[in-house]
Amino acid sequence: MSKFLTVAEAAKLIRKSPSSIRRIIYPILEDDQHPDRPLIEPSPDEAKTLRLKGENFPWRISEELLRRYAPEAGAKAAGESRTAPAAGGDGSAALLEMLRRELDIKNRQIETQNELLKGLSERLREGNILIGSLQQQLALPEAAHHPRQDVVQSSAEPMRAEEGIATEPLKPEKPVKAKAKKRGVFRRLFRR
């Protein structure tokens, strides 16, 4: 006696869509005298009874019928290995194996790059911490207490002695002009 599978189970088994399984079932369901009709449950009489009651029911297909329409699915249902070569032959199996190797290589490269990025991020964080501590050490004590605009003073205010600068305001120096020698009448007469 063969096992019956729902449409979803059969689709999963042969790795096809449920609509592919329905395409197998519906032509058989249209004819109650079809030779494969006993391989689909519920039977015609049970289906009519369930419909009259207004109940929903799933169609179930036997593994035997599934094996006929999808031979590789029957082999899997019987317990054969999933690693068997595909129906395309050795060429597709070799291609699949090559793609798997390439995928493994790419995965290792990604892991290596992730490790490098983690290391670089850690170095950047350490550099930021060092720069922050250096800035704290180099900060002027006065600048730490006052906003920037208070540090700059106008020339009219006297400077404070604790800042280590002059106590009186700086006066702008006048530019020194070279005086031209005056040559008057008497100078010309009494030249030296």
Protein backbone atom coordinates (compact mmCIF):
# COMPACT_ATOMS: atom_id res chain seq x y z
CA MET A 1 0.00 0.00 0.00
CA SER A 2 1.47 3.33 -1.00
CA LYS A 3 1.59 6.40 1.19
CA PHE A 4 -0.59 9.40 0.33
CA LEU A 5 0.79 12.92 0.48
CA THR A 6 -0.96 16.29 0.48
CA VAL A 7 -0.31 18.66 -2.40
CA ALA A 8 2.05 20.75 -0.23
CA GLU A 9 4.00 17.68 0.96
CA ALA A 10 4.30 16.33 -2.57
CA ALA A 11 5.48 19.71 -3.88
CA LYS A 12 8.10 19.91 -1.16
CA LEU A 13 9.25 16.37 -1.87
CA ILE A 14 9.85 16.89 -5.58
CA ARG A 15 10.87 20.54 -5.13
CA LYS A 16 8.17 21.89 -7.40
CA SER A 17 5.36 24.32 -6.82
CA PRO A 18 1.98 23.14 -5.53
CA SER A 19 0.45 24.22 -8.84
CA SER A 20 2.67 21.63 -10.59
CA ILE A 21 1.16 18.91 -8.41
CA ARG A 22 -2.34 20.22 -9.11
CA ARG A 23 -1.61 19.99 -12.86
CA ILE A 24 -0.98 16.28 -12.33
CA ILE A 25 -4.10 15.77 -10.18
CA TYR A 26 -6.85 17.79 -11.96
CA PRO A 27 -6.88 15.93 -15.32
CA ILE A 28 -7.29 12.69 -13.36
CA LEU A 29 -10.07 14.15 -11.19
CA GLU A 30 -12.12 15.19 -14.23
CA ASP A 31 -12.64 11.56 -15.20
CA ASP A 32 -13.92 9.27 -12.44
CA GLN A 33 -13.08 6.26 -14.63
CA HIS A 34 -9.43 7.28 -15.10
CA PRO A 35 -7.08 4.35 -14.33
CA ASP A 36 -5.06 6.49 -11.90
CA ARG A 37 -8.11 7.77 -9.98
CA PRO A 38 -7.64 5.29 -7.09
CA LEU A 39 -4.21 6.84 -6.50
CA ILE A 40 -5.80 10.17 -5.47
CA GLU A 41 -7.77 10.59 -2.25
CA PRO A 42 -10.56 11.21 -1.34
CA SER A 43 -12.44 8.89 -3.67
CA PRO A 44 -15.14 10.37 -5.93
CA ASP A 45 -17.92 9.30 -3.54
CA GLU A 46 -16.13 10.68 -0.45
CA ALA A 47 -15.41 13.95 -2.28
CA LYS A 48 -19.12 14.36 -3.20
CA THR A 49 -20.17 13.69 0.40
CA LEU A 50 -17.68 16.22 1.78
CA ARG A 51 -18.78 18.84 -0.75
CA LEU A 52 -22.45 18.35 0.14
CA LYS A 53 -21.58 18.88 3.82
CA GLY A 54 -19.73 22.08 2.83
CA GLU A 55 -16.42 20.87 4.29
CA ASN A 56 -13.05 21.73 2.86
CA PHE A 57 -10.68 18.83 2.26
CA PRO A 58 -7.17 18.46 0.88
CA TRP A 59 -6.42 16.34 -2.15
CA ARG A 60 -3.83 13.65 -1.46
CA ILE A 61 -1.71 11.97 -4.10
CA SER A 62 -0.01 8.60 -3.73
CA GLU A 63 3.75 8.28 -3.89
CA GLU A 64 3.34 5.75 -6.72
CA LEU A 65 1.59 8.31 -8.94
CA LEU A 66 4.13 10.96 -7.94
CA ARG A 67 6.98 8.61 -8.94
CA ARG A 68 5.42 8.14 -12.35
CA TYR A 69 5.14 11.84 -13.09
CA ALA A 70 8.35 12.90 -11.35
CA PRO A 71 10.85 9.98 -11.38
CA GLU A 72 13.55 11.76 -9.30
CA ALA A 73 10.95 12.43 -6.59
CA GLY A 74 10.13 8.75 -6.36
CA ALA A 75 13.78 7.92 -5.81
CA LYS A 76 13.97 10.47 -2.99
CA ALA A 77 10.77 9.17 -1.45
CA ALA A 78 12.21 5.67 -1.54
CA GLY A 79 15.18 6.85 0.49
CA GLU A 80 17.92 7.47 -2.06
CA SER A 81 20.54 10.10 -1.29
CA ARG A 82 19.95 13.77 -2.12
CA THR A 83 23.53 14.04 -3.38
CA ALA A 84 22.83 11.95 -6.49
CA PRO A 85 23.80 13.73 -9.70
CA ALA A 86 21.11 15.83 -11.33
CA ALA A 87 19.25 14.67 -14.42
CA GLY A 88 21.48 16.94 -16.54
CA GLY A 89 24.39 14.51 -16.26
CA ASP A 90 28.00 14.87 -15.11
CA GLY A 91 28.41 18.32 -16.66
CA SER A 92 25.88 19.97 -14.37
CA ALA A 93 27.25 18.11 -11.32
CA ALA A 94 30.76 19.34 -12.10
CA LEU A 95 29.46 22.87 -12.57
CA LEU A 96 27.58 22.69 -9.29
CA GLU A 97 30.69 21.44 -7.47
CA MET A 98 32.81 24.24 -8.97
CA LEU A 99 30.24 26.83 -7.88
CA ARG A 100 30.24 25.42 -4.34
CA ARG A 101 34.04 25.68 -4.18
CA GLU A 102 33.92 29.28 -5.41
CA LEU A 103 31.25 30.09 -2.85
CA ASP A 104 33.41 28.64 -0.07
CA ILE A 105 36.38 30.72 -1.23
CA LYS A 106 34.26 33.89 -1.27
CA ASN A 107 32.89 33.13 2.20
CA ARG A 108 36.43 32.79 3.58
CA GLN A 109 37.44 36.07 1.93
CA ILE A 110 34.45 37.81 3.49
CA GLU A 111 35.33 36.40 6.93
CA THR A 112 38.93 37.62 6.55
CA GLN A 113 37.78 41.08 5.52
CA ASN A 114 35.37 41.23 8.46
CA GLU A 115 38.23 40.40 10.84
CA LEU A 116 40.38 43.11 9.26
CA LEU A 117 37.58 45.64 9.59
CA LYS A 118 37.10 44.75 13.25
CA GLY A 119 40.84 45.26 13.87
CA LEU A 120 40.87 48.59 12.05
CA SER A 121 37.81 49.77 13.95
CA GLU A 122 39.51 48.89 17.23
CA ARG A 123 42.67 50.80 16.22
CA LEU A 124 40.55 53.82 15.25
CA ARG A 125 38.78 53.73 18.60
CA GLU A 126 42.11 53.56 20.44
CA GLY A 127 43.43 56.51 18.39
CA ASN A 128 40.35 58.55 19.26
CA ILE A 129 40.82 57.82 22.95
CA LEU A 130 44.49 58.86 22.79
CA ILE A 131 43.69 62.06 20.92
CA GLY A 132 40.97 62.90 23.45
CA SER A 133 43.32 62.44 26.40
CA LEU A 134 46.01 64.51 24.65
CA GLN A 135 43.51 67.31 24.04
CA GLN A 136 42.58 67.30 27.73
CA GLN A 137 46.24 67.54 28.74
CA LEU A 138 46.96 70.37 26.30
CA ALA A 139 43.83 72.38 27.06
CA LEU A 140 44.53 75.79 28.60
CA PRO A 141 43.20 76.01 32.16
CA GLU A 142 41.48 79.34 31.41
CA ALA A 143 39.95 78.01 28.18
CA ALA A 144 38.41 75.15 30.07
CA HIS A 145 36.43 77.54 32.34
CA HIS A 146 35.32 80.24 29.91
CA PRO A 147 33.60 80.19 26.60
CA ARG A 148 35.74 81.11 23.65
CA GLN A 149 34.40 84.67 23.33
CA ASP A 150 35.40 85.50 26.94
CA VAL A 151 39.01 84.51 26.33
CA VAL A 152 39.52 87.21 23.70
CA GLN A 153 39.67 90.59 25.45
CA SER A 154 39.44 94.04 24.03
CA SER A 155 42.46 96.34 24.17
CA ALA A 156 40.58 98.75 26.48
CA GLU A 157 40.42 96.23 29.34
CA PRO A 158 43.48 95.75 31.53
CA MET A 159 45.04 92.30 31.38
CA ARG A 160 45.13 90.25 34.57
CA ALA A 161 48.40 89.47 36.26
CA GLU A 162 47.57 85.76 36.73
CA GLU A 163 47.52 85.27 32.99
CA GLY A 164 51.23 85.94 32.92
CA ILE A 165 50.95 88.96 30.64
CA ALA A 166 51.27 92.70 31.24
CA THR A 167 48.86 94.28 33.74
CA GLU A 168 48.11 97.31 31.59
CA PRO A 169 46.51 97.32 28.19
CA LEU A 170 48.74 97.37 25.22
CA LYS A 171 48.76 100.63 23.31
CA PRO A 172 49.18 100.47 19.61
CA GLU A 173 52.48 101.85 18.48
CA LYS A 174 52.55 104.72 16.07
CA PRO A 175 54.60 104.15 12.99
CA VAL A 176 57.87 106.05 13.05
CA LYS A 177 58.42 108.22 10.00
CA ALA A 178 61.86 109.22 8.92
CA LYS A 179 62.22 112.97 9.32
CA ALA A 180 63.49 114.79 6.34
CA LYS A 181 66.28 117.26 7.02
CA LYS A 182 65.18 120.80 6.60
CA ARG A 183 67.47 122.89 4.62
CA GLY A 184 66.89 126.41 5.52
CA VAL A 185 68.71 129.52 4.43
CA PHE A 186 71.07 129.61 7.40
CA ARG A 187 71.90 125.93 7.09
CA ARG A 188 72.99 126.34 3.59
CA LEU A 189 75.34 129.14 4.58
CA PHE A 190 76.80 127.38 7.56
CA ARG A 191 77.30 123.89 6.29
CA ARG A 192 79.50 121.65 8.11
